[in-house]
Amino acid sequence: MANNIDRAAEITQRNLETALANRVRIAEPAANDECIDCGYEIPAARRQAAPWATTCIECQGIRERQARRFRE
């Protein structure tokens, strides 16, 4: 029984560490000012509001619409 509890604790700890590492990565500013989808410059207002953004507003909208259609 103790082995199962130990394994569960290890898995929980690994999941927590992964989630925290991903959260830190999301909070970091994007490396460049160009949209990764279309290549155009991400507007300054978007970069200021969402420094981690890697897409422009238009491309992000397309991604969200596609994701919504996929979920339906």
Protein backbone atom coordinates (compact mmCIF):
# COMPACT_ATOMS: atom_id res chain seq x y z
CA MET A 1 0.00 0.00 0.00
CA ALA A 2 2.81 2.41 0.87
CA ASN A 3 4.37 1.90 -2.57
CA ASN A 4 1.17 3.03 -4.28
CA ILE A 5 0.98 6.10 -2.07
CA ASP A 6 4.64 6.91 -2.77
CA ARG A 7 4.10 6.53 -6.52
CA ALA A 8 1.01 8.71 -6.42
CA ALA A 9 2.92 11.38 -4.51
CA GLU A 10 5.77 11.28 -7.05
CA ILE A 11 3.36 11.58 -9.98
CA THR A 12 1.55 14.46 -8.31
CA GLN A 13 4.85 16.23 -7.66
CA ARG A 14 5.98 15.77 -11.27
CA ASN A 15 2.65 17.08 -12.58
CA LEU A 16 2.90 20.11 -10.31
CA GLU A 17 6.46 20.86 -11.42
CA THR A 18 5.46 20.56 -15.08
CA ALA A 19 2.46 22.85 -14.61
CA LEU A 20 4.59 25.46 -12.85
CA ALA A 21 7.28 25.29 -15.54
CA ASN A 22 4.64 25.77 -18.24
CA ARG A 23 3.14 28.71 -16.36
CA VAL A 24 6.50 30.46 -16.15
CA ARG A 25 7.05 29.93 -19.87
CA ILE A 26 3.64 31.42 -20.71
CA ALA A 27 4.32 34.52 -18.61
CA GLU A 28 7.57 35.31 -20.43
CA PRO A 29 7.46 37.89 -23.23
CA ALA A 30 7.55 36.52 -26.78
CA ALA A 31 10.99 36.45 -28.35
CA ASN A 32 10.12 38.39 -31.49
CA ASP A 33 7.60 40.92 -32.72
CA GLU A 34 6.37 38.96 -35.74
CA CYS A 35 3.26 36.79 -35.90
CA ILE A 36 4.28 33.13 -36.22
CA ASP A 37 1.34 32.47 -38.56
CA CYS A 38 1.35 35.35 -41.06
CA GLY A 39 4.77 36.94 -40.47
CA TYR A 40 3.45 40.48 -40.06
CA GLU A 41 4.44 42.59 -37.08
CA ILE A 42 2.33 42.14 -33.94
CA PRO A 43 0.86 45.57 -33.09
CA ALA A 44 2.43 47.36 -30.13
CA ALA A 45 -0.90 47.52 -28.28
CA ARG A 46 -1.23 43.71 -28.44
CA ARG A 47 2.37 43.21 -27.33
CA GLN A 48 1.77 45.53 -24.40
CA ALA A 49 -1.51 43.85 -23.40
CA ALA A 50 -0.23 40.30 -23.94
CA PRO A 51 3.59 40.26 -23.98
CA TRP A 52 3.62 36.47 -24.41
CA ALA A 53 1.51 36.63 -27.62
CA THR A 54 3.10 34.99 -30.64
CA THR A 55 0.28 35.77 -33.08
CA CYS A 56 -1.45 38.92 -34.24
CA ILE A 57 -5.10 39.53 -33.35
CA GLU A 58 -6.39 38.31 -36.72
CA CYS A 59 -4.43 35.04 -36.66
CA GLN A 60 -5.34 34.41 -33.03
CA GLY A 61 -9.01 34.87 -33.96
CA ILE A 62 -8.64 32.30 -36.73
CA ARG A 63 -7.02 29.84 -34.31
CA GLU A 64 -9.80 30.30 -31.78
CA ARG A 65 -12.55 29.83 -34.38
CA GLN A 66 -10.85 26.65 -35.63
CA ALA A 67 -10.50 25.33 -32.08
CA ARG A 68 -14.17 26.09 -31.39
CA ARG A 69 -15.25 24.23 -34.54
CA PHE A 70 -13.03 21.30 -33.59
CA ARG A 71 -14.66 21.04 -30.14
CA GLU A 72 -18.19 21.04 -31.58
